[in-house]
Amino acid sequence: MTRATAFLRPLLPLLGPLLLAAAVPVTAQTAGTITPSAGAVAPYVESDQRLIQELLALARLAPGDYLIDLGAGNGPIVIEAARRGVLAHGVELEPELVAAARTRAAAAGVSDRTLFLEGDLYQADLAHASVVALYLMPEANLRLRPLLLKQLAPGTRVVSSAFDMGEWLPDEQITSVAGPELYLWIVPADVAGNWELVVGEERFTLELSQRFQRVNGRLTPDDKLLRVERVLLRGERLELQMDAGDARYILNGRVTGDRMEGYAQSSESAGRRLVTWHAVRQAR
């Protein structure tokens, strides 16, 4: 059982009857006559089903995921995720849309895998999500950006339709057949700071600076400056290529808090070999 399943399933028997009791029929008139509430961050726009399919494909949605849709409207993204066997919930400010989403979920037979919560998306608890979906205005995306980076675990996928995240560049971007640009971000691990790095039998001090998933580094043993050629960070996965004078290394591994570890290919005068590596953060 995933952490998402454990979180959601105990709530469904308790909340399900209450949610369905509050539901109202969804109609074109309902969707078209909603007056935005104070604090609304985006106008309601009915999503194209093709766009939803592409957005979930870009997110690599798979069994075991837990999706949260911020600004869920009348629920199409959450409902499509649930149809694919994924547990999901939506956060929506407008009560009419929340009620409509619950009715649509019941009609689709996925009420047991969905929740629709009325509330402020900036106050949403995102900690259980493995995928977060957005279809908001640019200023809302930018306001959400620090919340996403703070609450979401490294490796969590964030997808957005039409609007980006400013300086946080997407890891992937495609053009939907329905028209808008679609964006994918992988929440990066925090790797900034000074690390004590051990590669095979060699020891180094590794200094990393970070801006979202973009990372620069430098390497020093005994105060002699060496060269970090490239650092790639995708979620909690790190690849680092470095030139240590008489040897070149390609490190691949995983970041877990203040520790990184994995395997490295060492290219030396005697040939290539595979060695283990690890690093412990000494200071931020």
C-alpha atoms as a PDB file:
ATOM      1  CA  MET A   1       0.000   0.000   0.000  1.00  0.00           C
ATOM      2  CA  THR A   2       1.401   3.411  -0.947  1.00  0.00           C
ATOM      3  CA  ARG A   3       1.472   6.365   1.440  1.00  0.00           C
ATOM      4  CA  ALA A   4      -1.257   7.996  -0.722  1.00  0.00           C
ATOM      5  CA  THR A   5      -3.512   4.948  -0.401  1.00  0.00           C
ATOM      6  CA  ALA A   6      -2.987   4.805   3.349  1.00  0.00           C
ATOM      7  CA  PHE A   7      -3.818   8.516   3.678  1.00  0.00           C
ATOM      8  CA  LEU A   8      -6.979   8.581   1.562  1.00  0.00           C
ATOM      9  CA  ARG A   9      -8.741   5.275   2.052  1.00  0.00           C
ATOM     10  CA  PRO A  10      -9.621   5.660   5.761  1.00  0.00           C
ATOM     11  CA  LEU A  11     -11.323   8.973   4.941  1.00  0.00           C
ATOM     12  CA  LEU A  12     -13.516   7.755   2.103  1.00  0.00           C
ATOM     13  CA  PRO A  13     -16.123   5.811   4.159  1.00  0.00           C
ATOM     14  CA  LEU A  14     -16.523   8.815   6.451  1.00  0.00           C
ATOM     15  CA  LEU A  15     -16.529  11.602   3.885  1.00  0.00           C
ATOM     16  CA  GLY A  16     -18.048   9.882   0.899  1.00  0.00           C
ATOM     17  CA  PRO A  17     -21.736  10.024   1.985  1.00  0.00           C
ATOM     18  CA  LEU A  18     -21.370  13.645   3.092  1.00  0.00           C
ATOM     19  CA  LEU A  19     -19.769  14.650  -0.189  1.00  0.00           C
ATOM     20  CA  LEU A  20     -22.398  12.934  -2.301  1.00  0.00           C
ATOM     21  CA  ALA A  21     -25.224  14.392  -0.212  1.00  0.00           C
ATOM     22  CA  ALA A  22     -23.967  17.867  -1.058  1.00  0.00           C
ATOM     23  CA  ALA A  23     -23.768  17.174  -4.783  1.00  0.00           C
ATOM     24  CA  VAL A  24     -25.849  18.985  -7.403  1.00  0.00           C
ATOM     25  CA  PRO A  25     -26.426  18.094 -11.049  1.00  0.00           C
ATOM     26  CA  VAL A  26     -23.795  19.389 -13.436  1.00  0.00           C
ATOM     27  CA  THR A  27     -25.122  21.159 -16.483  1.00  0.00           C
ATOM     28  CA  ALA A  28     -23.810  23.536 -19.102  1.00  0.00           C
ATOM     29  CA  GLN A  29     -25.827  26.256 -17.376  1.00  0.00           C
ATOM     30  CA  THR A  30     -24.201  25.479 -14.015  1.00  0.00           C
ATOM     31  CA  ALA A  31     -20.708  25.736 -15.496  1.00  0.00           C
ATOM     32  CA  GLY A  32     -21.449  28.884 -17.440  1.00  0.00           C
ATOM     33  CA  THR A  33     -23.134  31.021 -14.769  1.00  0.00           C
ATOM     34  CA  ILE A  34     -20.716  30.775 -11.851  1.00  0.00           C
ATOM     35  CA  THR A  35     -19.761  34.114 -10.324  1.00  0.00           C
ATOM     36  CA  PRO A  36     -16.137  33.917  -9.135  1.00  0.00           C
ATOM     37  CA  SER A  37     -15.728  34.057  -5.369  1.00  0.00           C
ATOM     38  CA  ALA A  38     -13.505  36.597  -3.662  1.00  0.00           C
ATOM     39  CA  GLY A  39      -9.979  35.220  -3.803  1.00  0.00           C
ATOM     40  CA  ALA A  40     -10.473  33.277  -7.038  1.00  0.00           C
ATOM     41  CA  VAL A  41      -7.116  32.843  -8.807  1.00  0.00           C
ATOM     42  CA  ALA A  42      -8.325  31.829 -12.283  1.00  0.00           C
ATOM     43  CA  PRO A  43     -11.546  31.958 -14.320  1.00  0.00           C
ATOM     44  CA  TYR A  44     -13.334  28.661 -14.801  1.00  0.00           C
ATOM     45  CA  VAL A  45     -12.580  27.145 -18.217  1.00  0.00           C
ATOM     46  CA  GLU A  46     -13.840  23.700 -19.265  1.00  0.00           C
ATOM     47  CA  SER A  47     -10.801  21.553 -20.118  1.00  0.00           C
ATOM     48  CA  ASP A  48     -10.480  19.858 -23.493  1.00  0.00           C
ATOM     49  CA  GLN A  49     -10.398  16.079 -22.987  1.00  0.00           C
ATOM     50  CA  ARG A  50      -7.470  15.768 -25.401  1.00  0.00           C
ATOM     51  CA  LEU A  51      -5.506  18.228 -23.300  1.00  0.00           C
ATOM     52  CA  ILE A  52      -6.245  16.238 -20.136  1.00  0.00           C
ATOM     53  CA  GLN A  53      -5.012  13.033 -21.763  1.00  0.00           C
ATOM     54  CA  GLU A  54      -1.801  14.738 -22.867  1.00  0.00           C
ATOM     55  CA  LEU A  55      -1.260  16.385 -19.474  1.00  0.00           C
ATOM     56  CA  LEU A  56      -1.529  13.073 -17.628  1.00  0.00           C
ATOM     57  CA  ALA A  57       0.718  11.391 -20.194  1.00  0.00           C
ATOM     58  CA  LEU A  58       3.316  14.138 -19.672  1.00  0.00           C
ATOM     59  CA  ALA A  59       3.083  13.502 -15.908  1.00  0.00           C
ATOM     60  CA  ARG A  60       3.760   9.766 -16.473  1.00  0.00           C
ATOM     61  CA  LEU A  61       0.726   9.020 -14.316  1.00  0.00           C
ATOM     62  CA  ALA A  62       0.868   5.390 -13.192  1.00  0.00           C
ATOM     63  CA  PRO A  63      -0.695   3.022 -10.632  1.00  0.00           C
ATOM     64  CA  GLY A  64       0.468   3.949  -7.134  1.00  0.00           C
ATOM     65  CA  ASP A  65       0.516   7.676  -7.869  1.00  0.00           C
ATOM     66  CA  TYR A  66      -1.526  10.161  -5.883  1.00  0.00           C
ATOM     67  CA  LEU A  67      -2.669  13.224  -7.843  1.00  0.00           C
ATOM     68  CA  ILE A  68      -3.762  16.592  -6.475  1.00  0.00           C
ATOM     69  CA  ASP A  69      -5.401  19.092  -8.844  1.00  0.00           C
ATOM     70  CA  LEU A  70      -5.210  22.694  -7.628  1.00  0.00           C
ATOM     71  CA  GLY A  71      -8.093  24.692  -9.065  1.00  0.00           C
ATOM     72  CA  ALA A  72      -9.936  21.500  -9.979  1.00  0.00           C
ATOM     73  CA  GLY A  73     -13.056  23.099 -11.477  1.00  0.00           C
ATOM     74  CA  ASN A  74     -15.759  20.485 -12.015  1.00  0.00           C
ATOM     75  CA  GLY A  75     -13.236  17.690 -11.719  1.00  0.00           C
ATOM     76  CA  PRO A  76     -12.196  16.432 -15.184  1.00  0.00           C
ATOM     77  CA  ILE A  77      -8.503  15.893 -14.383  1.00  0.00           C
ATOM     78  CA  VAL A  78      -9.200  14.171 -11.060  1.00  0.00           C
ATOM     79  CA  ILE A  79     -11.902  11.983 -12.610  1.00  0.00           C
ATOM     80  CA  GLU A  80      -9.697  10.936 -15.541  1.00  0.00           C
ATOM     81  CA  ALA A  81      -6.873  10.087 -13.132  1.00  0.00           C
ATOM     82  CA  ALA A  82      -9.280   7.980 -11.064  1.00  0.00           C
ATOM     83  CA  ARG A  83     -10.475   6.180 -14.197  1.00  0.00           C
ATOM     84  CA  ARG A  84      -6.866   5.070 -14.591  1.00  0.00           C
ATOM     85  CA  GLY A  85      -6.905   3.550 -11.110  1.00  0.00           C
ATOM     86  CA  VAL A  86      -5.109   6.420  -9.357  1.00  0.00           C
ATOM     87  CA  LEU A  87      -6.267   7.987  -6.095  1.00  0.00           C
ATOM     88  CA  ALA A  88      -6.796  11.722  -6.548  1.00  0.00           C
ATOM     89  CA  HIS A  89      -8.349  14.789  -5.034  1.00  0.00           C
ATOM     90  CA  GLY A  90      -9.099  18.291  -6.220  1.00  0.00           C
ATOM     91  CA  VAL A  91      -9.081  21.624  -4.402  1.00  0.00           C
ATOM     92  CA  GLU A  92     -11.536  24.224  -5.695  1.00  0.00           C
ATOM     93  CA  LEU A  93     -12.742  27.550  -4.275  1.00  0.00           C
ATOM     94  CA  GLU A  94     -16.156  27.659  -5.996  1.00  0.00           C
ATOM     95  CA  PRO A  95     -18.795  25.579  -4.140  1.00  0.00           C
ATOM     96  CA  GLU A  96     -20.902  25.085  -7.284  1.00  0.00           C
ATOM     97  CA  LEU A  97     -17.949  23.500  -9.084  1.00  0.00           C
ATOM     98  CA  VAL A  98     -17.093  21.314  -6.094  1.00  0.00           C
ATOM     99  CA  ALA A  99     -20.663  20.000  -6.039  1.00  0.00           C
ATOM    100  CA  ALA A 100     -20.627  19.445  -9.787  1.00  0.00           C
ATOM    101  CA  ALA A 101     -17.328  17.557  -9.548  1.00  0.00           C
ATOM    102  CA  ARG A 102     -18.731  15.207  -6.909  1.00  0.00           C
ATOM    103  CA  THR A 103     -21.740  14.453  -9.092  1.00  0.00           C
ATOM    104  CA  ARG A 104     -19.553  13.802 -12.131  1.00  0.00           C
ATOM    105  CA  ALA A 105     -17.318  11.478 -10.103  1.00  0.00           C
ATOM    106  CA  ALA A 106     -20.364   9.524  -8.916  1.00  0.00           C
ATOM    107  CA  ALA A 107     -21.671   9.243 -12.482  1.00  0.00           C
ATOM    108  CA  ALA A 108     -18.253   8.010 -13.633  1.00  0.00           C
ATOM    109  CA  GLY A 109     -18.157   5.399 -10.866  1.00  0.00           C
ATOM    110  CA  VAL A 110     -14.998   6.758  -9.245  1.00  0.00           C
ATOM    111  CA  SER A 111     -16.303   8.308  -6.017  1.00  0.00           C
ATOM    112  CA  ASP A 112     -14.355   5.708  -4.026  1.00  0.00           C
ATOM    113  CA  ARG A 113     -11.064   6.986  -5.497  1.00  0.00           C
ATOM    114  CA  THR A 114     -11.680  10.751  -5.406  1.00  0.00           C
ATOM    115  CA  LEU A 115     -12.211  13.650  -3.033  1.00  0.00           C
ATOM    116  CA  PHE A 116     -13.210  17.208  -3.929  1.00  0.00           C
ATOM    117  CA  LEU A 117     -12.459  19.792  -1.277  1.00  0.00           C
ATOM    118  CA  GLU A 118     -13.752  23.344  -1.174  1.00  0.00           C
ATOM    119  CA  GLY A 119     -11.009  25.686  -0.106  1.00  0.00           C
ATOM    120  CA  ASP A 120      -8.059  27.953  -0.781  1.00  0.00           C
ATOM    121  CA  LEU A 121      -5.494  26.164  -2.933  1.00  0.00           C
ATOM    122  CA  TYR A 122      -2.702  28.147  -1.236  1.00  0.00           C
ATOM    123  CA  GLN A 123      -3.625  26.428   2.029  1.00  0.00           C
ATOM    124  CA  ALA A 124      -3.759  22.925   0.547  1.00  0.00           C
ATOM    125  CA  ASP A 125      -1.739  20.103   2.105  1.00  0.00           C
ATOM    126  CA  LEU A 126       0.362  18.754  -0.770  1.00  0.00           C
ATOM    127  CA  ALA A 127       2.660  16.439   1.158  1.00  0.00           C
ATOM    128  CA  HIS A 128       1.025  13.196  -0.076  1.00  0.00           C
ATOM    129  CA  ALA A 129       1.095  14.072  -3.780  1.00  0.00           C
ATOM    130  CA  SER A 130       3.293  12.329  -6.309  1.00  0.00           C
ATOM    131  CA  VAL A 131       1.697  14.400  -9.112  1.00  0.00           C
ATOM    132  CA  VAL A 132       0.291  17.955  -8.907  1.00  0.00           C
ATOM    133  CA  ALA A 133      -1.791  19.376 -11.766  1.00  0.00           C
ATOM    134  CA  LEU A 134      -2.316  23.101 -12.415  1.00  0.00           C
ATOM    135  CA  TYR A 135      -4.465  25.046 -14.876  1.00  0.00           C
ATOM    136  CA  LEU A 136      -4.160  28.514 -13.368  1.00  0.00           C
ATOM    137  CA  MET A 137      -3.091  32.036 -14.268  1.00  0.00           C
ATOM    138  CA  PRO A 138       0.621  32.999 -14.395  1.00  0.00           C
ATOM    139  CA  GLU A 139       0.541  34.956 -11.133  1.00  0.00           C
ATOM    140  CA  ALA A 140      -1.064  31.997  -9.347  1.00  0.00           C
ATOM    141  CA  ASN A 141       1.648  29.646 -10.617  1.00  0.00           C
ATOM    142  CA  LEU A 142       4.350  32.012  -9.363  1.00  0.00           C
ATOM    143  CA  ARG A 143       2.687  32.343  -5.962  1.00  0.00           C
ATOM    144  CA  LEU A 144       2.411  28.563  -5.700  1.00  0.00           C
ATOM    145  CA  ARG A 145       6.033  27.962  -6.728  1.00  0.00           C
ATOM    146  CA  PRO A 146       7.634  28.308  -3.263  1.00  0.00           C
ATOM    147  CA  LEU A 147       4.846  26.234  -1.698  1.00  0.00           C
ATOM    148  CA  LEU A 148       5.395  23.430  -4.194  1.00  0.00           C
ATOM    149  CA  LEU A 149       9.145  23.423  -3.622  1.00  0.00           C
ATOM    150  CA  LYS A 150       8.702  23.465   0.160  1.00  0.00           C
ATOM    151  CA  GLN A 151       5.980  20.824   0.520  1.00  0.00           C
ATOM    152  CA  LEU A 152       6.637  18.349  -2.273  1.00  0.00           C
ATOM    153  CA  ALA A 153       9.182  15.567  -2.010  1.00  0.00           C
ATOM    154  CA  PRO A 154      12.021  15.501  -4.555  1.00  0.00           C
ATOM    155  CA  GLY A 155      10.911  13.613  -7.647  1.00  0.00           C
ATOM    156  CA  THR A 156       7.280  14.774  -7.431  1.00  0.00           C
ATOM    157  CA  ARG A 157       5.961  15.740 -10.885  1.00  0.00           C
ATOM    158  CA  VAL A 158       4.173  19.053 -11.437  1.00  0.00           C
ATOM    159  CA  VAL A 159       2.281  19.649 -14.689  1.00  0.00           C
ATOM    160  CA  SER A 160       0.681  22.863 -15.910  1.00  0.00           C
ATOM    161  CA  SER A 161      -1.407  23.831 -18.895  1.00  0.00           C
ATOM    162  CA  ALA A 162      -0.737  27.113 -20.720  1.00  0.00           C
ATOM    163  CA  PHE A 163       1.438  28.872 -18.140  1.00  0.00           C
ATOM    164  CA  ASP A 164       4.944  28.283 -16.801  1.00  0.00           C
ATOM    165  CA  MET A 165       6.729  28.980 -13.488  1.00  0.00           C
ATOM    166  CA  GLY A 166       8.956  31.892 -14.443  1.00  0.00           C
ATOM    167  CA  GLU A 167      12.590  31.265 -13.477  1.00  0.00           C
ATOM    168  CA  TRP A 168      11.858  27.635 -12.607  1.00  0.00           C
ATOM    169  CA  LEU A 169      12.322  26.297 -16.116  1.00  0.00           C
ATOM    170  CA  PRO A 170      10.356  23.169 -17.088  1.00  0.00           C
ATOM    171  CA  ASP A 171      12.106  19.830 -17.375  1.00  0.00           C
ATOM    172  CA  GLU A 172       9.897  19.085 -20.382  1.00  0.00           C
ATOM    173  CA  GLN A 173       7.555  21.134 -22.569  1.00  0.00           C
ATOM    174  CA  ILE A 174       5.205  20.081 -25.380  1.00  0.00           C
ATOM    175  CA  THR A 175       2.484  21.716 -27.454  1.00  0.00           C
ATOM    176  CA  SER A 176      -0.940  20.169 -26.967  1.00  0.00           C
ATOM    177  CA  VAL A 177      -3.042  19.234 -29.982  1.00  0.00           C
ATOM    178  CA  ALA A 178      -5.698  21.364 -28.251  1.00  0.00           C
ATOM    179  CA  GLY A 179      -3.426  24.415 -28.531  1.00  0.00           C
ATOM    180  CA  PRO A 180      -1.789  25.378 -25.212  1.00  0.00           C
ATOM    181  CA  GLU A 181       1.751  24.629 -24.146  1.00  0.00           C
ATOM    182  CA  LEU A 182       2.025  21.903 -21.508  1.00  0.00           C
ATOM    183  CA  TYR A 183       4.825  21.928 -18.939  1.00  0.00           C
ATOM    184  CA  LEU A 184       6.421  19.339 -16.657  1.00  0.00           C
ATOM    185  CA  TRP A 185       8.654  20.032 -13.669  1.00  0.00           C
ATOM    186  CA  ILE A 186      10.389  17.455 -11.494  1.00  0.00           C
ATOM    187  CA  VAL A 187      10.776  18.823  -7.959  1.00  0.00           C
ATOM    188  CA  PRO A 188      14.550  18.928  -7.386  1.00  0.00           C
ATOM    189  CA  ALA A 189      16.368  17.767  -4.300  1.00  0.00           C
ATOM    190  CA  ASP A 190      18.166  20.410  -2.273  1.00  0.00           C
ATOM    191  CA  VAL A 191      21.883  19.889  -2.990  1.00  0.00           C
ATOM    192  CA  ALA A 192      23.346  23.348  -2.304  1.00  0.00           C
ATOM    193  CA  GLY A 193      26.255  23.457   0.120  1.00  0.00           C
ATOM    194  CA  ASN A 194      29.642  21.937   0.884  1.00  0.00           C
ATOM    195  CA  TRP A 195      29.955  18.169   0.672  1.00  0.00           C
ATOM    196  CA  GLU A 196      32.656  15.742   1.724  1.00  0.00           C
ATOM    197  CA  LEU A 197      32.899  13.497  -1.331  1.00  0.00           C
ATOM    198  CA  VAL A 198      34.504  10.055  -1.434  1.00  0.00           C
ATOM    199  CA  VAL A 199      34.930   8.383  -4.845  1.00  0.00           C
ATOM    200  CA  GLY A 200      36.528   4.983  -4.537  1.00  0.00           C
ATOM    201  CA  GLU A 201      39.612   5.753  -2.421  1.00  0.00           C
ATOM    202  CA  GLU A 202      39.798   9.454  -3.365  1.00  0.00           C
ATOM    203  CA  ARG A 203      38.479  12.267  -1.158  1.00  0.00           C
ATOM    204  CA  PHE A 204      37.361  15.703  -2.305  1.00  0.00           C
ATOM    205  CA  THR A 205      35.474  18.737  -1.089  1.00  0.00           C
ATOM    206  CA  LEU A 206      32.551  19.411  -3.415  1.00  0.00           C
ATOM    207  CA  GLU A 207      30.901  22.832  -3.398  1.00  0.00           C
ATOM    208  CA  LEU A 208      27.486  23.030  -5.090  1.00  0.00           C
ATOM    209  CA  SER A 209      25.379  26.105  -5.810  1.00  0.00           C
ATOM    210  CA  GLN A 210      21.782  25.652  -6.957  1.00  0.00           C
ATOM    211  CA  ARG A 211      18.942  27.537  -8.616  1.00  0.00           C
ATOM    212  CA  PHE A 212      15.981  25.152  -8.886  1.00  0.00           C
ATOM    213  CA  GLN A 213      17.274  22.157 -10.915  1.00  0.00           C
ATOM    214  CA  ARG A 214      20.268  24.063 -12.295  1.00  0.00           C
ATOM    215  CA  VAL A 215      23.414  23.198 -10.347  1.00  0.00           C
ATOM    216  CA  ASN A 216      27.027  24.382 -10.580  1.00  0.00           C
ATOM    217  CA  GLY A 217      29.939  22.909  -8.697  1.00  0.00           C
ATOM    218  CA  ARG A 218      33.589  23.028  -7.951  1.00  0.00           C
ATOM    219  CA  LEU A 219      35.930  20.471  -6.505  1.00  0.00           C
ATOM    220  CA  THR A 220      38.986  20.911  -4.257  1.00  0.00           C
ATOM    221  CA  PRO A 221      41.393  18.422  -2.635  1.00  0.00           C
ATOM    222  CA  ASP A 222      44.051  20.054  -0.437  1.00  0.00           C
ATOM    223  CA  ASP A 223      43.048  23.488  -1.738  1.00  0.00           C
ATOM    224  CA  LYS A 224      43.953  22.559  -5.324  1.00  0.00           C
ATOM    225  CA  LEU A 225      41.072  23.630  -7.584  1.00  0.00           C
ATOM    226  CA  LEU A 226      39.897  20.926  -9.974  1.00  0.00           C
ATOM    227  CA  ARG A 227      37.021  20.926 -12.425  1.00  0.00           C
ATOM    228  CA  VAL A 228      33.389  19.893 -12.280  1.00  0.00           C
ATOM    229  CA  GLU A 229      32.345  19.642 -15.917  1.00  0.00           C
ATOM    230  CA  ARG A 230      28.613  19.065 -15.559  1.00  0.00           C
ATOM    231  CA  VAL A 231      25.934  18.490 -12.937  1.00  0.00           C
ATOM    232  CA  LEU A 232      22.498  17.191 -13.886  1.00  0.00           C
ATOM    233  CA  LEU A 233      19.729  17.067 -11.265  1.00  0.00           C
ATOM    234  CA  ARG A 234      16.338  15.490 -11.945  1.00  0.00           C
ATOM    235  CA  GLY A 235      14.311  15.044  -8.806  1.00  0.00           C
ATOM    236  CA  GLU A 236      16.446  13.102  -6.352  1.00  0.00           C
ATOM    237  CA  ARG A 237      18.697  11.699  -9.114  1.00  0.00           C
ATOM    238  CA  LEU A 238      22.093  13.330  -9.647  1.00  0.00           C
ATOM    239  CA  GLU A 239      24.705  12.925 -12.362  1.00  0.00           C
ATOM    240  CA  LEU A 240      28.042  14.652 -11.933  1.00  0.00           C
ATOM    241  CA  GLN A 241      30.985  14.619 -14.343  1.00  0.00           C
ATOM    242  CA  MET A 242      34.339  15.783 -13.054  1.00  0.00           C
ATOM    243  CA  ASP A 243      37.992  15.951 -14.042  1.00  0.00           C
ATOM    244  CA  ALA A 244      40.270  15.149 -11.107  1.00  0.00           C
ATOM    245  CA  GLY A 245      43.574  15.574 -12.918  1.00  0.00           C
ATOM    246  CA  ASP A 246      44.807  12.027 -13.442  1.00  0.00           C
ATOM    247  CA  ALA A 247      41.269  10.610 -13.519  1.00  0.00           C
ATOM    248  CA  ARG A 248      37.854  11.464 -14.871  1.00  0.00           C
ATOM    249  CA  TYR A 249      34.665  10.400 -13.139  1.00  0.00           C
ATOM    250  CA  ILE A 250      30.999  10.108 -14.065  1.00  0.00           C
ATOM    251  CA  LEU A 251      28.955   9.839 -10.888  1.00  0.00           C
ATOM    252  CA  ASN A 252      25.340   8.651 -10.822  1.00  0.00           C
ATOM    253  CA  GLY A 253      23.349   8.438  -7.639  1.00  0.00           C
ATOM    254  CA  ARG A 254      20.516   9.502  -5.383  1.00  0.00           C
ATOM    255  CA  VAL A 255      20.163  12.396  -2.954  1.00  0.00           C
ATOM    256  CA  THR A 256      18.568  11.670   0.429  1.00  0.00           C
ATOM    257  CA  GLY A 257      18.619  14.676   2.733  1.00  0.00           C
ATOM    258  CA  ASP A 258      22.233  15.459   3.644  1.00  0.00           C
ATOM    259  CA  ARG A 259      23.633  12.343   1.972  1.00  0.00           C
ATOM    260  CA  MET A 260      24.252  11.333  -1.651  1.00  0.00           C
ATOM    261  CA  GLU A 261      25.496   7.966  -2.891  1.00  0.00           C
ATOM    262  CA  GLY A 262      25.747   5.782  -5.938  1.00  0.00           C
ATOM    263  CA  TYR A 263      28.201   4.373  -8.469  1.00  0.00           C
ATOM    264  CA  ALA A 264      30.871   6.113 -10.519  1.00  0.00           C
ATOM    265  CA  GLN A 265      32.729   5.199 -13.684  1.00  0.00           C
ATOM    266  CA  SER A 266      36.401   6.035 -13.271  1.00  0.00           C
ATOM    267  CA  SER A 267      38.566   6.609 -16.356  1.00  0.00           C
ATOM    268  CA  GLU A 268      42.265   6.440 -15.532  1.00  0.00           C
ATOM    269  CA  SER A 269      45.521   5.645 -17.338  1.00  0.00           C
ATOM    270  CA  ALA A 270      45.098   2.007 -16.287  1.00  0.00           C
ATOM    271  CA  GLY A 271      41.632   1.868 -17.864  1.00  0.00           C
ATOM    272  CA  ARG A 272      38.046   2.180 -16.715  1.00  0.00           C
ATOM    273  CA  ARG A 273      36.483   0.748 -13.600  1.00  0.00           C
ATOM    274  CA  LEU A 274      33.274   1.046 -11.605  1.00  0.00           C
ATOM    275  CA  VAL A 275      33.538   2.274  -8.024  1.00  0.00           C
ATOM    276  CA  THR A 276      31.146   3.356  -5.306  1.00  0.00           C
ATOM    277  CA  TRP A 277      30.834   6.943  -4.142  1.00  0.00           C
ATOM    278  CA  HIS A 278      29.106   8.839  -1.371  1.00  0.00           C
ATOM    279  CA  ALA A 279      28.968  12.400  -0.087  1.00  0.00           C
ATOM    280  CA  VAL A 280      27.874  13.940   3.206  1.00  0.00           C
ATOM    281  CA  ARG A 281      26.862  17.599   3.457  1.00  0.00           C
ATOM    282  CA  GLN A 282      29.044  19.554   5.860  1.00  0.00           C
ATOM    283  CA  ALA A 283      27.424  22.981   5.509  1.00  0.00           C
ATOM    284  CA  ARG A 284      24.707  24.713   3.527  1.00  0.00           C
END
